[in-house]
Amino acid sequence: MNETIKLIRFDGVWIVSEVEEIPDVEFGDPDCVLRYPYEIEGTCLGPFPRYCRDREFIVRSSEISLITDPNDFLYNQYLGLVETEKPEPPTIEEFEE
């Protein structure tokens, strides 16, 4: 499965996140990567988990009770937040140095 932006119910919390499946893992081991997860807080999004700088988490898909596509409002809000977080790709000049 390619990275996709999904709305998930994880451990009792609604989250919007990039989700990637980890293939060929042992049953019961973490098998899913959440990148740049944001918790839904009313009509706003806040970093998940709170009080943490990490932006990538490996979890068990068995902890996800629902996974679906976010509505357009959440999707666009999420993209705006993640765009400010992701590092800029290197320029040609940086490769030449």
N, C-alpha and C. Protein backbone atom coordinates (compact mmCIF):
# COMPACT_ATOMS: atom_id res chain seq x y z
N MET A 1 0.85 -1.18 0.00
CA MET A 1 0.00 0.00 0.00
C MET A 1 0.89 1.24 0.00
N ASN A 2 0.59 2.18 -0.82
CA ASN A 2 1.34 3.44 -0.85
C ASN A 2 0.88 4.32 0.30
N GLU A 3 1.70 5.34 0.58
CA GLU A 3 1.33 6.32 1.58
C GLU A 3 0.06 7.02 1.15
N THR A 4 -0.89 7.10 2.06
CA THR A 4 -2.12 7.81 1.78
C THR A 4 -2.55 8.56 3.02
N ILE A 5 -3.31 9.61 2.83
CA ILE A 5 -3.83 10.39 3.95
C ILE A 5 -5.17 9.79 4.33
N LYS A 6 -5.30 9.41 5.60
CA LYS A 6 -6.50 8.75 6.07
C LYS A 6 -7.00 9.37 7.37
N LEU A 7 -8.27 9.20 7.59
CA LEU A 7 -8.92 9.52 8.87
C LEU A 7 -9.02 8.19 9.60
N ILE A 8 -8.44 8.14 10.81
CA ILE A 8 -8.46 6.87 11.55
C ILE A 8 -8.93 7.10 12.98
N ARG A 9 -9.48 6.06 13.54
CA ARG A 9 -9.82 6.02 14.96
C ARG A 9 -8.77 5.14 15.60
N PHE A 10 -7.89 5.77 16.38
CA PHE A 10 -6.75 5.06 16.97
C PHE A 10 -6.76 5.27 18.47
N ASP A 11 -6.87 4.18 19.21
CA ASP A 11 -6.83 4.24 20.67
C ASP A 11 -7.84 5.26 21.22
N GLY A 12 -9.02 5.29 20.62
CA GLY A 12 -10.09 6.17 21.10
C GLY A 12 -10.00 7.61 20.64
N VAL A 13 -9.05 7.93 19.75
CA VAL A 13 -8.82 9.29 19.29
C VAL A 13 -8.99 9.35 17.77
N TRP A 14 -9.62 10.41 17.26
CA TRP A 14 -9.71 10.61 15.82
C TRP A 14 -8.45 11.31 15.34
N ILE A 15 -7.80 10.75 14.31
CA ILE A 15 -6.53 11.24 13.81
C ILE A 15 -6.59 11.32 12.28
N VAL A 16 -5.95 12.36 11.73
CA VAL A 16 -5.69 12.43 10.29
C VAL A 16 -4.19 12.25 10.14
N SER A 17 -3.79 11.34 9.25
CA SER A 17 -2.37 11.01 9.14
C SER A 17 -2.06 10.40 7.79
N GLU A 18 -0.78 10.52 7.39
CA GLU A 18 -0.29 9.69 6.29
C GLU A 18 -0.12 8.30 6.87
N VAL A 19 -0.60 7.30 6.17
CA VAL A 19 -0.56 5.93 6.67
C VAL A 19 0.14 5.05 5.63
N GLU A 20 1.05 4.23 6.12
CA GLU A 20 1.75 3.29 5.24
C GLU A 20 1.80 1.93 5.92
N GLU A 21 1.45 0.90 5.17
CA GLU A 21 1.51 -0.46 5.68
C GLU A 21 2.94 -0.97 5.58
N ILE A 22 3.38 -1.69 6.60
CA ILE A 22 4.69 -2.35 6.58
C ILE A 22 4.45 -3.80 6.18
N PRO A 23 4.95 -4.21 5.02
CA PRO A 23 4.68 -5.57 4.56
C PRO A 23 5.52 -6.62 5.30
N ASP A 24 5.03 -7.84 5.29
CA ASP A 24 5.78 -9.02 5.75
C ASP A 24 6.27 -8.92 7.20
N VAL A 25 5.39 -8.57 8.12
CA VAL A 25 5.77 -8.56 9.53
C VAL A 25 5.10 -9.73 10.24
N GLU A 26 5.68 -10.12 11.36
CA GLU A 26 5.10 -11.20 12.18
C GLU A 26 3.76 -10.75 12.75
N PHE A 27 2.83 -11.67 12.86
CA PHE A 27 1.53 -11.37 13.44
C PHE A 27 1.72 -10.80 14.85
N GLY A 28 1.06 -9.69 15.13
CA GLY A 28 1.14 -9.05 16.43
C GLY A 28 2.19 -7.97 16.53
N ASP A 29 3.14 -7.94 15.57
CA ASP A 29 4.16 -6.88 15.56
C ASP A 29 3.58 -5.62 14.93
N PRO A 30 4.16 -4.46 15.25
CA PRO A 30 3.71 -3.23 14.59
C PRO A 30 3.84 -3.37 13.07
N ASP A 31 2.78 -2.97 12.36
CA ASP A 31 2.74 -3.17 10.92
C ASP A 31 2.24 -1.97 10.14
N CYS A 32 2.23 -0.82 10.79
CA CYS A 32 1.67 0.37 10.17
C CYS A 32 2.47 1.60 10.61
N VAL A 33 2.77 2.48 9.67
CA VAL A 33 3.50 3.71 9.98
C VAL A 33 2.54 4.89 9.87
N LEU A 34 2.50 5.71 10.92
CA LEU A 34 1.75 6.97 10.88
C LEU A 34 2.78 8.09 10.75
N ARG A 35 2.64 8.90 9.72
CA ARG A 35 3.54 10.04 9.52
C ARG A 35 2.74 11.32 9.63
N TYR A 36 3.26 12.26 10.39
CA TYR A 36 2.63 13.55 10.61
C TYR A 36 1.17 13.41 11.07
N PRO A 37 0.94 12.63 12.13
CA PRO A 37 -0.43 12.47 12.61
C PRO A 37 -0.90 13.73 13.34
N TYR A 38 -2.15 14.07 13.12
CA TYR A 38 -2.81 15.19 13.81
C TYR A 38 -4.11 14.70 14.41
N GLU A 39 -4.32 15.06 15.67
CA GLU A 39 -5.55 14.72 16.37
C GLU A 39 -6.61 15.77 16.03
N ILE A 40 -7.83 15.32 15.82
CA ILE A 40 -8.93 16.24 15.55
C ILE A 40 -9.42 16.77 16.89
N GLU A 41 -9.40 18.10 17.01
CA GLU A 41 -9.83 18.78 18.23
C GLU A 41 -10.91 19.78 17.83
N GLY A 42 -12.17 19.33 17.83
CA GLY A 42 -13.26 20.19 17.36
C GLY A 42 -13.13 20.37 15.86
N THR A 43 -12.93 21.63 15.43
CA THR A 43 -12.73 21.89 14.00
C THR A 43 -11.26 22.18 13.69
N CYS A 44 -10.39 21.93 14.66
CA CYS A 44 -8.95 22.18 14.48
C CYS A 44 -8.19 20.86 14.55
N LEU A 45 -6.95 20.91 14.11
CA LEU A 45 -6.06 19.76 14.20
C LEU A 45 -4.88 20.13 15.08
N GLY A 46 -4.51 19.23 15.98
CA GLY A 46 -3.36 19.42 16.84
C GLY A 46 -2.43 18.24 16.72
N PRO A 47 -1.11 18.45 16.90
CA PRO A 47 -0.16 17.35 16.76
C PRO A 47 -0.51 16.17 17.67
N PHE A 48 -0.28 14.98 17.16
CA PHE A 48 -0.52 13.75 17.93
C PHE A 48 0.77 12.95 17.97
N PRO A 49 1.13 12.40 19.10
CA PRO A 49 0.57 12.68 20.41
C PRO A 49 1.06 14.04 20.92
N ARG A 50 0.31 14.59 21.80
CA ARG A 50 0.69 15.88 22.38
C ARG A 50 2.01 15.73 23.13
N TYR A 51 2.71 16.82 23.25
CA TYR A 51 3.96 16.89 24.03
C TYR A 51 5.07 16.01 23.45
N CYS A 52 5.06 15.79 22.15
CA CYS A 52 6.05 14.93 21.52
C CYS A 52 6.55 15.60 20.24
N ARG A 53 7.86 15.54 20.00
CA ARG A 53 8.43 16.11 18.78
C ARG A 53 8.45 15.13 17.62
N ASP A 54 8.41 13.85 17.90
CA ASP A 54 8.46 12.85 16.83
C ASP A 54 7.26 13.02 15.91
N ARG A 55 7.46 12.78 14.63
CA ARG A 55 6.38 12.93 13.66
C ARG A 55 6.15 11.65 12.85
N GLU A 56 6.79 10.56 13.28
CA GLU A 56 6.59 9.27 12.63
C GLU A 56 6.49 8.21 13.72
N PHE A 57 5.46 7.37 13.62
CA PHE A 57 5.21 6.35 14.65
C PHE A 57 4.88 5.03 13.99
N ILE A 58 5.43 3.97 14.55
CA ILE A 58 5.11 2.62 14.07
C ILE A 58 4.13 2.02 15.07
N VAL A 59 2.97 1.59 14.57
CA VAL A 59 1.89 1.10 15.43
C VAL A 59 1.36 -0.23 14.89
N ARG A 60 0.53 -0.87 15.70
CA ARG A 60 -0.16 -2.08 15.26
C ARG A 60 -1.49 -1.68 14.61
N SER A 61 -1.75 -2.19 13.45
CA SER A 61 -3.02 -1.87 12.78
C SER A 61 -4.20 -2.39 13.59
N SER A 62 -3.96 -3.37 14.46
CA SER A 62 -5.05 -3.89 15.30
C SER A 62 -5.56 -2.84 16.29
N GLU A 63 -4.76 -1.79 16.52
CA GLU A 63 -5.17 -0.69 17.41
C GLU A 63 -6.04 0.33 16.67
N ILE A 64 -6.14 0.21 15.35
CA ILE A 64 -6.96 1.11 14.55
C ILE A 64 -8.33 0.47 14.40
N SER A 65 -9.36 1.15 14.93
CA SER A 65 -10.70 0.56 14.87
C SER A 65 -11.49 1.00 13.64
N LEU A 66 -11.06 2.08 12.97
CA LEU A 66 -11.73 2.52 11.76
C LEU A 66 -10.73 3.29 10.91
N ILE A 67 -10.77 3.08 9.61
CA ILE A 67 -9.90 3.80 8.69
C ILE A 67 -10.72 4.16 7.45
N THR A 68 -10.68 5.45 7.08
CA THR A 68 -11.45 5.93 5.94
C THR A 68 -10.79 7.19 5.39
N ASP A 69 -11.36 7.75 4.34
CA ASP A 69 -10.85 8.99 3.77
C ASP A 69 -11.43 10.18 4.53
N PRO A 70 -10.60 11.20 4.81
CA PRO A 70 -11.13 12.40 5.47
C PRO A 70 -11.97 13.22 4.51
N ASN A 71 -12.86 14.06 5.07
CA ASN A 71 -13.63 14.95 4.21
C ASN A 71 -12.70 16.03 3.65
N ASP A 72 -13.19 16.80 2.70
CA ASP A 72 -12.35 17.81 2.03
C ASP A 72 -11.82 18.86 3.00
N PHE A 73 -12.63 19.27 3.98
CA PHE A 73 -12.20 20.28 4.95
C PHE A 73 -10.99 19.78 5.74
N LEU A 74 -11.08 18.57 6.32
CA LEU A 74 -9.96 18.02 7.09
C LEU A 74 -8.75 17.75 6.20
N TYR A 75 -8.99 17.23 5.03
CA TYR A 75 -7.90 16.92 4.09
C TYR A 75 -7.09 18.17 3.78
N ASN A 76 -7.77 19.26 3.42
CA ASN A 76 -7.07 20.50 3.07
C ASN A 76 -6.40 21.14 4.27
N GLN A 77 -7.04 21.07 5.43
CA GLN A 77 -6.43 21.60 6.65
C GLN A 77 -5.16 20.80 6.98
N TYR A 78 -5.24 19.50 6.86
CA TYR A 78 -4.09 18.63 7.11
C TYR A 78 -2.94 18.95 6.16
N LEU A 79 -3.23 19.04 4.87
CA LEU A 79 -2.18 19.32 3.89
C LEU A 79 -1.48 20.64 4.19
N GLY A 80 -2.23 21.65 4.60
CA GLY A 80 -1.63 22.93 4.95
C GLY A 80 -0.68 22.83 6.12
N LEU A 81 -1.03 22.04 7.12
CA LEU A 81 -0.17 21.87 8.29
C LEU A 81 1.09 21.06 7.96
N VAL A 82 0.91 19.98 7.25
CA VAL A 82 2.03 19.09 6.93
C VAL A 82 3.02 19.79 6.00
N GLU A 83 2.51 20.61 5.11
CA GLU A 83 3.37 21.34 4.19
C GLU A 83 4.40 22.18 4.94
N THR A 84 4.02 22.73 6.08
CA THR A 84 4.94 23.55 6.86
C THR A 84 5.93 22.70 7.65
N GLU A 85 5.61 21.44 7.86
CA GLU A 85 6.47 20.53 8.66
C GLU A 85 7.50 19.79 7.85
N LYS A 86 7.14 19.38 6.66
CA LYS A 86 8.04 18.54 5.86
C LYS A 86 9.27 19.35 5.44
N PRO A 87 10.43 18.71 5.50
CA PRO A 87 11.64 19.41 5.08
C PRO A 87 11.61 19.71 3.58
N GLU A 88 12.23 20.81 3.22
CA GLU A 88 12.35 21.17 1.80
C GLU A 88 13.28 20.19 1.11
N PRO A 89 12.96 19.78 -0.12
CA PRO A 89 13.90 18.91 -0.84
C PRO A 89 15.17 19.69 -1.16
N PRO A 90 16.30 19.02 -1.21
CA PRO A 90 17.56 19.71 -1.50
C PRO A 90 17.54 20.31 -2.91
N THR A 91 18.23 21.41 -3.06
CA THR A 91 18.35 22.05 -4.37
C THR A 91 19.54 21.47 -5.10
N ILE A 92 19.63 21.74 -6.39
CA ILE A 92 20.76 21.27 -7.20
C ILE A 92 22.06 21.82 -6.65
N GLU A 93 22.04 23.07 -6.21
CA GLU A 93 23.25 23.69 -5.67
C GLU A 93 23.75 22.94 -4.44
N GLU A 94 22.84 22.47 -3.61
CA GLU A 94 23.24 21.72 -2.41
C GLU A 94 23.88 20.39 -2.78
N PHE A 95 23.42 19.76 -3.85
CA PHE A 95 24.02 18.51 -4.30
C PHE A 95 25.42 18.73 -4.84
N GLU A 96 25.64 19.87 -5.46
CA GLU A 96 26.93 20.15 -6.06
C GLU A 96 28.00 20.48 -5.03
N GLU A 97 27.59 20.86 -3.82
CA GLU A 97 28.58 21.23 -2.78
C GLU A 97 29.29 20.05 -2.21
